Amino acid sequence: MAQNKVGKNGEGKKSFKFIDLFAGLGGFHLALSSIGGECVFASELREDLRKIYKQNFGMEIQGDITKIDPKKDIPPHNVLCGGFPCQPFSQAGKREGFNDVRGTMFDYICKIIEVHKPEYLFLENVANLKGHDKGNTWKVIQDKLDNLGYNVTAEILSPHQFGIPQHRKRIYIVGQRKDFGDFGEFSFPKPTNLECNIKSVIDESDSDVTLLRYDTKNQLNVWQEFLDKASSRGGKIPGFPIWAMEFGADYDFEDIAPAYQELKKLVGKRGRLGCRVFGKTVADCLKLLPNYAQTAKNKTFPSWKIRYINQNREFYENNKEWLREWMEKIRYFDNSHLKLEWNCGNVAPIISDKIVQFRASGIRIKNPTFSPALNLVGTQIPIFPWVTIPGKDDYGRYMSVQEAAKLQGMQKLKFGNKEFELSKTRIYEALGNAVNVQLVKKIAKRLIRL
């Protein structure tokens, strides 16, 4: 099938055709068109993203891939691209893999490959795919592509390894038809490990931003007081996650989880923030324990949880003379705001010049090198406490939409026009689900031999 082999057009310019499956915002489109590719087909399930795709690329985009006829609807192409659904393999989800209906989307990719036999394949997914189901999921993918006639390899890479200030590990799967050459010549780009600086993407003149709420600032101020007092007493900031709910607690947990204990063993103990445990049933008592101690999933806690609880109790015993007064300031915080993860190492214990992220697992503080991965959940947008607001006395704000887009190499994208536009929340979600354009481009230039 000569039409599926990459070559040069009559003017001597590099030219190849690609299709963009599960297209999202069009990260593959941006990357491959920048090196001479022409997108001849795209599909995306979500209608709002199809509208944005058309606004940016001026082409019609198809919907549900399961309703597309590969023979009739998809033209010949040299490269098949797709960031197929990652939720079935993600650590944040149920990790059901091919048992999840979204996991079967890979089968539709295979149907297209079987019909068109493009020279190259370029797929992306979450890093966890390679280890999912003890490696069996990855073996199934390899075997299917091998049976379709492709040499395939994969690598887990992150933009921050190449000086792009975002930590975002993903698996990149590439392949070439066996009858088109020696795939052994391909190798993934080697990490340069250039120094990252989040300030390279921050636009301090941007006024289209979301400011920090009073409650958020108060929580950060209270935790700053914790860091000040911990460090002023000669101690290092703990390297383990701070679980303040454990301060003052003495419920039993090492041999058997509280949910499996008898009522008499729970009553009279101290639970969340040292409160006395009481109740007529085990369920009543569990409500007074830290939320992570209420689980009935297993009869014993995993070793990491036992370790963290013991470390926090020891920290409390060594610092309770000042912690008791400080604890009154956090008593009514939400559960996730009662946890702090100091990921900055042995540097000045100052929150205001670090990146902050409010996560389900706690408030995470990290150095201003690279951003955490953009998350599908809009509430986890990174915070820049040091950034001032133009024309205002206020300080501290969330990462802006344009800054998030720049992290993904999508700063030239439009997210709407007079006819239709995405909400900010939806933009963050879409960017969090997108491929990183800069990294995709680096890989594509090594894969597609022009």
Protein backbone atom coordinates (compact mmCIF):
# COMPACT_ATOMS: atom_id res chain seq x y z
CA MET A 1 0.00 0.00 0.00
CA ALA A 2 2.34 2.69 -1.29
CA GLN A 3 -0.04 5.50 -0.42
CA ASN A 4 0.54 4.73 3.24
CA LYS A 5 4.28 5.29 3.11
CA VAL A 6 5.70 8.63 4.21
CA GLY A 7 7.39 10.55 1.40
CA LYS A 8 7.85 13.98 -0.13
CA ASN A 9 5.43 15.86 -2.30
CA GLY A 10 6.18 17.23 -5.73
CA GLU A 11 7.67 20.45 -4.36
CA GLY A 12 10.18 18.54 -2.28
CA LYS A 13 8.52 19.51 0.97
CA LYS A 14 8.01 16.99 3.75
CA SER A 15 4.51 15.61 3.56
CA PHE A 16 2.49 12.89 5.25
CA LYS A 17 -1.11 12.31 6.25
CA PHE A 18 -2.30 11.44 9.73
CA ILE A 19 -5.54 10.78 11.60
CA ASP A 20 -6.30 12.09 15.07
CA LEU A 21 -8.40 9.69 17.19
CA PHE A 22 -9.85 10.62 20.60
CA ALA A 23 -8.65 14.04 19.54
CA GLY A 24 -9.62 16.20 22.53
CA LEU A 25 -8.17 19.66 22.04
CA GLY A 26 -5.97 18.49 19.19
CA GLY A 27 -2.54 18.00 20.75
CA PHE A 28 -1.50 15.43 18.14
CA HIS A 29 -2.82 17.73 15.41
CA LEU A 30 -0.70 20.65 16.66
CA ALA A 31 2.43 18.52 16.97
CA LEU A 32 2.28 16.62 13.68
CA SER A 33 1.07 19.50 11.52
CA SER A 34 4.06 21.53 12.76
CA ILE A 35 6.45 19.00 11.16
CA GLY A 36 4.69 18.79 7.81
CA GLY A 37 1.73 16.52 8.48
CA GLU A 38 -1.80 16.93 7.12
CA CYS A 39 -4.71 15.78 9.27
CA VAL A 40 -7.21 13.95 7.05
CA PHE A 41 -9.58 12.64 9.72
CA ALA A 42 -10.33 13.31 13.38
CA SER A 43 -12.84 11.96 15.89
CA GLU A 44 -13.81 13.03 19.40
CA LEU A 45 -16.78 11.83 21.45
CA ARG A 46 -17.47 15.08 23.34
CA GLU A 47 -19.48 17.60 21.36
CA ASP A 48 -18.07 20.71 23.06
CA LEU A 49 -14.50 19.68 22.19
CA ARG A 50 -15.51 18.95 18.61
CA LYS A 51 -16.71 22.55 18.33
CA ILE A 52 -13.41 23.88 19.68
CA TYR A 53 -11.45 21.57 17.37
CA LYS A 54 -13.32 22.91 14.34
CA GLN A 55 -12.75 26.52 15.48
CA ASN A 56 -9.01 25.94 15.69
CA PHE A 57 -8.34 23.65 12.75
CA GLY A 58 -11.15 24.51 10.35
CA MET A 59 -12.14 20.90 9.68
CA GLU A 60 -15.13 18.74 10.42
CA ILE A 61 -14.53 16.23 13.18
CA GLN A 62 -16.46 13.01 13.66
CA GLY A 63 -18.03 11.81 16.91
CA ASP A 64 -18.38 8.35 18.45
CA ILE A 65 -15.61 6.16 17.02
CA THR A 66 -17.71 3.04 17.54
CA LYS A 67 -20.16 4.31 14.91
CA ILE A 68 -17.50 5.06 12.29
CA ASP A 69 -16.93 2.72 9.35
CA PRO A 70 -13.14 2.51 8.84
CA LYS A 71 -13.54 1.70 5.14
CA LYS A 72 -16.11 4.35 4.23
CA ASP A 73 -15.41 7.15 6.69
CA ILE A 74 -11.63 7.19 7.10
CA PRO A 75 -9.30 8.08 4.20
CA PRO A 76 -5.85 6.52 3.64
CA HIS A 77 -3.14 7.87 5.95
CA ASN A 78 0.48 7.36 6.89
CA VAL A 79 0.27 7.85 10.65
CA LEU A 80 -2.44 6.85 13.12
CA CYS A 81 -2.46 8.92 16.31
CA GLY A 82 -4.59 8.55 19.39
CA GLY A 83 -4.61 9.28 23.10
CA PHE A 84 -7.15 6.54 23.76
CA PRO A 85 -9.23 6.67 27.00
CA CYS A 86 -6.97 6.42 30.02
CA GLN A 87 -9.49 6.07 32.88
CA PRO A 88 -9.61 2.25 32.71
CA PHE A 89 -5.86 2.12 33.43
CA SER A 90 -5.41 5.18 35.66
CA GLN A 91 -4.44 4.87 39.31
CA ALA A 92 -7.05 7.55 40.01
CA GLY A 93 -9.82 5.34 38.63
CA LYS A 94 -10.97 1.78 39.23
CA ARG A 95 -8.19 0.44 36.98
CA GLU A 96 -10.48 -2.09 35.29
CA GLY A 97 -8.58 -1.96 32.01
CA PHE A 98 -10.19 -3.93 29.20
CA ASN A 99 -13.07 -4.87 31.53
CA ASP A 100 -14.15 -1.23 31.31
CA VAL A 101 -16.08 -0.40 28.13
CA ARG A 102 -13.63 2.47 27.53
CA GLY A 103 -10.78 -0.03 27.59
CA THR A 104 -12.26 -1.68 24.51
CA MET A 105 -11.68 1.52 22.52
CA PHE A 106 -8.29 0.03 21.70
CA ASP A 107 -10.12 -2.63 19.69
CA TYR A 108 -11.56 0.09 17.43
CA ILE A 109 -8.05 1.41 16.86
CA CYS A 110 -7.07 -2.09 15.77
CA LYS A 111 -9.99 -2.25 13.33
CA ILE A 112 -8.80 0.95 11.66
CA ILE A 113 -5.23 -0.35 11.54
CA GLU A 114 -6.42 -3.60 9.98
CA VAL A 115 -8.21 -1.73 7.18
CA HIS A 116 -5.70 1.05 6.42
CA LYS A 117 -2.36 -0.40 7.53
CA PRO A 118 -0.64 2.99 8.10
CA GLU A 119 3.14 3.02 8.19
CA TYR A 120 3.33 4.45 11.72
CA LEU A 121 1.34 4.24 14.96
CA PHE A 122 1.61 6.82 17.73
CA LEU A 123 -0.49 6.27 20.86
CA GLU A 124 -0.50 7.81 24.35
CA ASN A 125 -1.93 6.76 27.70
CA VAL A 126 -1.33 6.96 31.45
CA ALA A 127 1.95 5.59 32.76
CA ASN A 128 0.08 2.98 34.80
CA LEU A 129 -0.97 1.16 31.63
CA LYS A 130 2.38 -0.61 31.39
CA GLY A 131 2.07 -2.15 34.85
CA HIS A 132 -1.70 -2.61 34.84
CA ASP A 133 -2.85 -6.13 35.70
CA LYS A 134 0.75 -7.14 36.40
CA GLY A 135 1.79 -6.24 32.88
CA ASN A 136 -0.89 -8.32 31.16
CA THR A 137 -2.68 -5.30 29.67
CA TRP A 138 0.50 -4.10 27.97
CA LYS A 139 1.19 -7.64 26.71
CA VAL A 140 -2.30 -7.78 25.15
CA ILE A 141 -1.63 -4.48 23.35
CA GLN A 142 1.78 -5.65 22.13
CA ASP A 143 0.42 -8.97 20.91
CA LYS A 144 -2.48 -7.38 19.03
CA LEU A 145 -0.24 -4.89 17.26
CA ASP A 146 2.33 -7.58 16.50
CA ASN A 147 -0.38 -9.74 14.93
CA LEU A 148 -1.41 -6.75 12.82
CA GLY A 149 2.10 -6.59 11.43
CA TYR A 150 3.80 -3.90 13.54
CA ASN A 151 7.02 -3.58 15.47
CA VAL A 152 6.13 -1.72 18.64
CA THR A 153 7.96 -0.11 21.53
CA ALA A 154 6.95 2.14 24.41
CA GLU A 155 8.52 4.54 26.89
CA ILE A 156 7.29 6.40 29.96
CA LEU A 157 8.34 10.04 29.70
CA SER A 158 7.47 13.36 31.33
CA PRO A 159 7.85 16.92 29.99
CA HIS A 160 9.89 17.95 33.04
CA GLN A 161 12.66 15.60 31.86
CA PHE A 162 13.15 17.94 28.90
CA GLY A 163 13.07 21.30 30.67
CA ILE A 164 9.30 21.76 30.20
CA PRO A 165 7.96 22.77 33.64
CA GLN A 166 5.30 20.11 34.14
CA HIS A 167 5.57 16.72 35.83
CA ARG A 168 3.33 14.53 33.70
CA LYS A 169 4.42 10.91 33.25
CA ARG A 170 2.72 9.19 30.32
CA ILE A 171 3.37 6.10 28.27
CA TYR A 172 4.08 6.77 24.60
CA ILE A 173 3.53 3.80 22.31
CA VAL A 174 4.98 3.90 18.80
CA GLY A 175 5.13 1.37 16.03
CA GLN A 176 6.02 0.84 12.38
CA ARG A 177 4.77 -1.67 9.84
CA LYS A 178 7.24 -4.52 9.67
CA ASP A 179 7.46 -4.39 5.87
CA PHE A 180 8.45 -0.71 5.84
CA GLY A 181 11.91 -0.84 7.33
CA ASP A 182 14.15 -1.58 10.28
CA PHE A 183 12.38 -0.25 13.35
CA GLY A 184 15.51 -0.88 15.36
CA GLU A 185 16.78 2.47 14.13
CA PHE A 186 14.12 4.26 16.21
CA SER A 187 14.85 5.43 19.73
CA PHE A 188 12.91 7.73 22.04
CA PRO A 189 14.44 11.11 22.83
CA LYS A 190 16.77 10.91 25.82
CA PRO A 191 15.85 13.12 28.80
CA THR A 192 18.02 16.21 28.94
CA ASN A 193 17.12 16.87 32.58
CA LEU A 194 17.44 20.59 31.97
CA GLU A 195 16.53 22.75 34.95
CA CYS A 196 12.85 23.64 35.07
CA ASN A 197 11.41 26.91 36.33
CA ILE A 198 7.65 27.39 36.58
CA LYS A 199 8.18 31.15 36.27
CA SER A 200 8.94 30.62 32.57
CA VAL A 201 5.22 30.09 31.91
CA ILE A 202 3.79 32.59 34.40
CA ASP A 203 2.41 35.83 33.00
CA GLU A 204 2.18 38.24 35.93
CA SER A 205 0.34 40.75 33.74
CA ASP A 206 -2.53 38.30 33.14
CA SER A 207 -5.69 39.73 34.69
CA ASP A 208 -7.99 36.89 33.58
CA VAL A 209 -7.25 34.88 36.70
CA THR A 210 -8.97 33.35 39.73
CA LEU A 211 -7.94 34.84 43.06
CA LEU A 212 -7.55 32.90 46.27
CA ARG A 213 -10.57 32.88 48.56
CA TYR A 214 -10.32 34.14 52.10
CA ASP A 215 -10.74 30.58 53.46
CA THR A 216 -7.90 29.32 51.27
CA LYS A 217 -5.57 32.08 52.41
CA ASN A 218 -6.48 31.42 56.02
CA GLN A 219 -5.69 27.72 55.65
CA LEU A 220 -2.30 28.53 54.14
CA ASN A 221 -1.58 31.06 56.90
CA VAL A 222 -2.43 28.51 59.60
CA TRP A 223 -0.17 25.92 58.01
CA GLN A 224 2.58 28.51 57.68
CA GLU A 225 2.32 29.00 61.43
CA PHE A 226 2.75 25.23 61.82
CA LEU A 227 5.94 25.33 59.72
CA ASP A 228 7.26 28.36 61.61
CA LYS A 229 6.80 26.74 65.01
CA ALA A 230 8.12 23.35 63.90
CA SER A 231 11.30 24.88 62.47
CA SER A 232 11.85 27.45 65.24
CA ARG A 233 12.14 24.66 67.76
CA GLY A 234 15.12 23.19 66.00
CA GLY A 235 13.25 20.47 64.20
CA LYS A 236 13.19 19.73 60.50
CA ILE A 237 9.95 19.84 58.60
CA PRO A 238 8.79 16.21 58.51
CA GLY A 239 9.38 14.40 55.25
CA PHE A 240 6.32 12.20 55.83
CA PRO A 241 2.77 13.48 55.18
CA ILE A 242 1.44 15.49 58.12
CA TRP A 243 -1.90 14.02 59.21
CA ALA A 244 -3.10 16.49 61.83
CA MET A 245 -6.18 14.36 62.53
CA GLU A 246 -3.80 11.97 64.25
CA PHE A 247 -2.60 14.56 66.78
CA GLY A 248 -3.83 13.52 70.21
CA ALA A 249 -5.29 10.20 68.99
CA ASP A 250 -4.68 6.88 70.72
CA TYR A 251 -7.21 4.47 69.16
CA ASP A 252 -5.82 1.01 68.37
CA PHE A 253 -4.97 0.34 64.74
CA GLU A 254 -1.82 -1.79 64.30
CA ASP A 255 -3.17 -5.33 64.79
CA ILE A 256 -6.70 -4.92 63.48
CA ALA A 257 -8.48 -2.05 61.73
CA PRO A 258 -10.99 -0.13 63.93
CA ALA A 259 -13.93 -1.19 61.71
CA TYR A 260 -13.31 -4.81 62.78
CA GLN A 261 -12.83 -4.09 66.48
CA GLU A 262 -15.38 -4.71 69.25
CA LEU A 263 -17.32 -1.72 70.55
CA LYS A 264 -15.71 -1.90 74.00
CA LYS A 265 -12.26 -1.55 72.45
CA LEU A 266 -13.23 1.69 70.71
CA VAL A 267 -15.25 3.50 73.39
CA GLY A 268 -13.16 5.75 75.58
CA LYS A 269 -10.25 6.05 73.14
CA ARG A 270 -9.26 9.31 71.50
CA GLY A 271 -9.86 9.79 67.80
CA ARG A 272 -9.83 12.69 65.32
CA LEU A 273 -7.81 15.61 66.77
CA GLY A 274 -7.84 13.89 70.16
CA CYS A 275 -11.63 13.90 70.62
CA ARG A 276 -13.11 11.26 72.94
CA VAL A 277 -14.66 8.27 71.13
CA PHE A 278 -18.17 7.21 72.21
CA GLY A 279 -21.32 5.67 70.75
CA LYS A 280 -23.76 2.81 70.96
CA THR A 281 -22.42 1.05 67.89
CA VAL A 282 -19.10 0.54 66.14
CA ALA A 283 -20.42 2.71 63.30
CA ASP A 284 -21.04 5.57 65.75
CA CYS A 285 -17.48 5.31 67.05
CA LEU A 286 -15.92 5.16 63.61
CA LYS A 287 -17.39 8.58 62.76
CA LEU A 288 -15.15 10.10 65.45
CA LEU A 289 -11.95 8.68 63.99
CA PRO A 290 -9.87 10.19 61.17
CA ASN A 291 -11.59 9.49 57.84
CA TYR A 292 -8.72 7.26 56.62
CA ALA A 293 -9.14 5.07 59.76
CA GLN A 294 -12.85 4.39 59.18
CA THR A 295 -12.36 2.04 56.22
CA ALA A 296 -13.68 -1.53 56.34
CA LYS A 297 -11.87 -2.54 53.15
CA ASN A 298 -9.36 -4.78 54.95
CA LYS A 299 -9.01 -6.15 58.46
CA THR A 300 -5.53 -4.71 58.73
CA PHE A 301 -4.12 -1.41 57.52
CA PRO A 302 -1.37 -1.47 54.88
CA SER A 303 2.15 -1.00 56.22
CA TRP A 304 2.50 2.54 54.79
CA LYS A 305 -0.62 3.71 56.64
CA ILE A 306 0.56 2.19 59.92
CA ARG A 307 3.91 3.92 59.44
CA TYR A 308 2.37 7.34 58.76
CA ILE A 309 0.06 7.09 61.77
CA ASN A 310 2.94 6.17 64.06
CA GLN A 311 5.13 8.95 62.67
CA ASN A 312 2.41 11.55 63.23
CA ARG A 313 1.70 10.36 66.76
CA GLU A 314 5.39 10.53 67.60
CA PHE A 315 5.58 14.04 66.13
CA TYR A 316 2.65 15.08 68.32
CA GLU A 317 4.23 13.68 71.47
CA ASN A 318 7.43 15.61 70.75
CA ASN A 319 5.64 18.88 69.98
CA LYS A 320 2.33 18.83 71.88
CA GLU A 321 3.25 21.83 74.03
CA TRP A 322 2.61 24.11 71.04
CA LEU A 323 0.48 21.83 68.88
CA ARG A 324 -2.47 21.82 71.32
CA GLU A 325 -3.07 25.55 70.86
CA TRP A 326 -2.43 25.39 67.10
CA MET A 327 -4.90 22.53 66.68
CA GLU A 328 -7.79 24.76 67.73
CA LYS A 329 -7.26 26.77 64.54
CA ILE A 330 -7.76 23.73 62.29
CA ARG A 331 -10.56 21.95 64.18
CA TYR A 332 -13.18 22.85 61.58
CA PHE A 333 -11.05 22.40 58.46
CA ASP A 334 -12.23 19.85 55.88
CA ASN A 335 -10.50 16.48 56.12
CA SER A 336 -8.23 17.04 53.12
CA HIS A 337 -7.14 20.42 54.54
CA LEU A 338 -5.95 18.69 57.71
CA LYS A 339 -3.13 17.05 55.76
CA LEU A 340 0.05 18.68 54.53
CA GLU A 341 2.65 17.23 52.16
CA TRP A 342 5.92 19.18 52.27
CA ASN A 343 7.69 18.12 49.07
CA CYS A 344 10.38 20.79 49.14
CA GLY A 345 13.19 19.09 51.00
CA ASN A 346 15.52 21.02 53.27
CA VAL A 347 14.76 24.57 52.12
CA ALA A 348 13.30 27.57 53.92
CA PRO A 349 9.90 26.52 55.28
CA ILE A 350 7.98 29.25 53.48
CA ILE A 351 4.75 28.55 51.61
CA SER A 352 4.44 31.91 49.88
CA ASP A 353 7.21 31.26 47.32
CA LYS A 354 6.25 27.65 46.56
CA ILE A 355 3.67 25.98 44.31
CA VAL A 356 0.59 24.89 46.26
CA GLN A 357 -1.97 22.33 45.22
CA PHE A 358 -5.10 21.39 47.15
CA ARG A 359 -5.58 17.66 46.58
CA ALA A 360 -7.86 14.99 48.01
CA SER A 361 -4.77 13.58 49.74
CA GLY A 362 -3.93 16.93 51.36
CA ILE A 363 -2.37 20.31 50.72
CA ARG A 364 0.79 19.70 48.70
CA ILE A 365 3.68 22.20 48.79
CA LYS A 366 6.48 21.90 46.25
CA ASN A 367 9.36 23.98 44.95
CA PRO A 368 8.65 26.38 42.04
CA THR A 369 10.46 24.22 39.51
CA PHE A 370 7.75 22.44 37.58
CA SER A 371 3.99 22.17 37.93
CA PRO A 372 2.22 19.02 39.06
CA ALA A 373 0.36 17.31 36.23
CA LEU A 374 -2.71 19.25 35.17
CA ASN A 375 -5.57 17.32 36.72
CA LEU A 376 -9.01 16.59 35.35
CA VAL A 377 -10.44 17.95 38.60
CA GLY A 378 -10.67 21.74 38.40
CA THR A 379 -10.31 22.10 42.18
CA GLN A 380 -6.70 20.90 41.98
CA ILE A 381 -5.40 23.78 39.86
CA PRO A 382 -1.91 24.80 41.06
CA ILE A 383 -1.67 27.96 43.16
CA PHE A 384 1.06 30.61 42.86
CA PRO A 385 0.95 32.40 46.25
CA TRP A 386 3.68 34.90 45.35
CA VAL A 387 2.04 36.32 42.21
CA THR A 388 0.51 39.76 42.70
CA ILE A 389 -2.63 40.84 40.92
CA PRO A 390 -2.35 43.78 38.47
CA GLY A 391 -4.08 46.85 39.87
CA LYS A 392 -4.93 45.17 43.19
CA ASP A 393 -3.32 44.98 46.61
CA ASP A 394 -4.24 41.32 46.83
CA TYR A 395 -1.78 38.48 46.36
CA GLY A 396 -1.90 34.84 45.38
CA ARG A 397 -3.85 33.26 42.55
CA TYR A 398 -4.47 30.06 40.66
CA MET A 399 -2.65 29.15 37.45
CA SER A 400 -4.42 30.90 34.59
CA VAL A 401 -5.94 29.17 31.59
CA GLN A 402 -3.25 30.55 29.29
CA GLU A 403 -0.48 29.39 31.62
CA ALA A 404 -2.00 25.90 31.72
CA ALA A 405 -2.26 25.91 27.93
CA LYS A 406 1.39 26.96 27.64
CA LEU A 407 2.44 24.04 29.85
CA GLN A 408 0.79 21.72 27.33
CA GLY A 409 2.22 23.56 24.31
CA MET A 410 -1.26 24.77 23.41
CA GLN A 411 -0.84 28.50 23.95
CA LYS A 412 -1.99 29.26 20.39
CA LEU A 413 -5.34 27.49 20.81
CA LYS A 414 -8.60 29.41 21.02
CA PHE A 415 -11.11 28.09 23.53
CA GLY A 416 -14.14 29.71 22.02
CA ASN A 417 -15.66 32.46 19.94
CA LYS A 418 -18.89 34.46 19.84
CA GLU A 419 -20.85 31.38 18.87
CA PHE A 420 -19.49 28.96 21.47
CA GLU A 421 -16.84 28.88 24.17
CA LEU A 422 -15.73 26.54 26.92
CA SER A 423 -16.06 27.47 30.59
CA LYS A 424 -12.84 27.87 32.54
CA THR A 425 -13.52 24.68 34.45
CA ARG A 426 -14.02 22.78 31.22
CA ILE A 427 -10.83 24.25 29.72
CA TYR A 428 -8.77 23.06 32.69
CA GLU A 429 -10.35 19.61 32.43
CA ALA A 430 -9.68 19.40 28.71
CA LEU A 431 -6.06 20.53 29.13
CA GLY A 432 -5.63 17.97 31.89
CA ASN A 433 -6.74 15.25 29.49
CA ALA A 434 -4.63 16.47 26.55
CA VAL A 435 -1.30 15.21 25.23
CA ASN A 436 1.74 17.41 25.71
CA VAL A 437 2.45 18.97 22.32
CA GLN A 438 6.16 19.65 22.87
CA LEU A 439 6.92 16.08 23.92
CA VAL A 440 4.76 14.53 21.21
CA LYS A 441 6.59 16.65 18.64
CA LYS A 442 10.00 15.49 19.92
CA ILE A 443 8.97 11.86 19.59
CA ALA A 444 7.26 12.32 16.21
CA LYS A 445 10.35 13.90 14.66
CA ARG A 446 12.36 10.79 15.56
CA LEU A 447 9.62 8.35 14.55
CA ILE A 448 8.45 9.68 11.19
CA ARG A 449 11.40 9.45 8.81
CA LEU A 450 10.93 12.17 6.25
